[in-house]
Amino acid sequence: MHIRLYTKTNCPLCEKAKAVLTELQADYSFTIEEIDIYQDDALLEKYQLMIPVIELDGEEIGYGMIEKEMVRKRLRQAQKG
């Protein structure tokens, strides 16, 4: 499984989301790709008010205040296939 974490610099919510994902890696096998939206104008336009955004295998599963249990549930579903 692969998670893309769309972030920006100086973003406390982004840091919290990253911490949640790092904790969940202890229970689930997935990679994290962190993407700074300020490096891509299209991403900046798409996500600027939603940051952070978590995308699991190409599907947006959460943004803003990231709830650990919501992400855990989605990871569990994805793992079962």
Protein backbone atom coordinates (compact mmCIF):
# COMPACT_ATOMS: atom_id res chain seq x y z
CA MET A 1 0.00 0.00 0.00
CA HIS A 2 1.15 3.51 -0.76
CA ILE A 3 0.12 6.75 0.94
CA ARG A 4 0.71 10.19 -0.48
CA LEU A 5 0.68 12.94 2.13
CA TYR A 6 0.13 16.35 0.58
CA THR A 7 1.63 19.00 2.86
CA LYS A 8 3.08 22.48 3.03
CA THR A 9 5.79 24.01 5.20
CA ASN A 10 4.95 25.44 8.63
CA CYS A 11 1.76 23.39 8.86
CA PRO A 12 0.97 22.00 12.35
CA LEU A 13 -1.87 19.86 11.00
CA CYS A 14 0.54 18.35 8.48
CA GLU A 15 2.95 17.41 11.26
CA LYS A 16 0.12 15.77 13.21
CA ALA A 17 -0.99 13.83 10.12
CA LYS A 18 2.58 12.65 9.56
CA ALA A 19 2.81 11.50 13.19
CA VAL A 20 -0.46 9.56 12.84
CA LEU A 21 0.81 7.83 9.69
CA THR A 22 4.14 7.01 11.30
CA GLU A 23 2.34 5.43 14.27
CA LEU A 24 0.12 3.37 11.96
CA GLN A 25 3.17 2.02 10.11
CA ALA A 26 3.83 -0.11 13.21
CA ASP A 27 0.62 -2.05 12.46
CA TYR A 28 0.29 -1.79 8.67
CA SER A 29 2.75 -2.11 5.85
CA PHE A 30 2.67 0.98 3.66
CA THR A 31 5.00 3.57 2.21
CA ILE A 32 4.61 7.31 2.74
CA GLU A 33 5.40 9.80 0.01
CA GLU A 34 5.33 13.38 1.28
CA ILE A 35 4.52 15.98 -1.37
CA ASP A 36 4.85 19.73 -0.81
CA ILE A 37 1.99 21.41 -2.69
CA TYR A 38 4.06 24.56 -3.13
CA GLN A 39 6.29 22.66 -5.55
CA ASP A 40 3.43 22.20 -8.04
CA ASP A 41 1.00 24.95 -9.06
CA ALA A 42 -1.76 22.46 -9.94
CA LEU A 43 -1.52 20.81 -6.51
CA LEU A 44 -1.43 24.20 -4.80
CA GLU A 45 -4.62 25.25 -6.58
CA LYS A 46 -6.32 21.92 -5.85
CA TYR A 47 -5.37 21.47 -2.19
CA GLN A 48 -4.43 24.84 -0.68
CA LEU A 49 -7.35 25.00 1.78
CA MET A 50 -7.56 21.25 2.41
CA ILE A 51 -4.01 20.55 3.59
CA PRO A 52 -3.00 18.03 4.78
CA VAL A 53 -4.51 15.53 2.38
CA ILE A 54 -3.98 11.77 2.65
CA GLU A 55 -4.31 9.67 -0.46
CA LEU A 56 -4.28 5.86 -0.19
CA ASP A 57 -3.44 4.04 -3.42
CA GLY A 58 -4.74 6.99 -5.47
CA GLU A 59 -7.92 7.64 -3.45
CA GLU A 60 -8.27 10.66 -1.15
CA ILE A 61 -9.24 9.30 2.25
CA GLY A 62 -8.90 12.35 4.47
CA TYR A 63 -7.90 15.97 4.79
CA GLY A 64 -7.56 18.70 7.40
CA MET A 65 -7.89 17.23 10.88
CA ILE A 66 -6.73 13.66 10.30
CA GLU A 67 -8.39 11.12 12.58
CA LYS A 68 -6.16 8.13 13.38
CA GLU A 69 -9.06 5.68 13.62
CA MET A 70 -10.45 6.76 10.24
CA VAL A 71 -7.08 6.13 8.59
CA ARG A 72 -6.71 2.81 10.45
CA LYS A 73 -10.13 1.70 9.18
CA ARG A 74 -9.24 2.57 5.58
CA LEU A 75 -5.89 0.78 5.84
CA ARG A 76 -7.62 -2.31 7.22
CA GLN A 77 -10.12 -2.27 4.33
CA ALA A 78 -7.34 -1.83 1.76
CA GLN A 79 -5.31 -4.64 3.31
CA LYS A 80 -8.22 -7.06 2.99
CA GLY A 81 -8.50 -6.13 -0.69
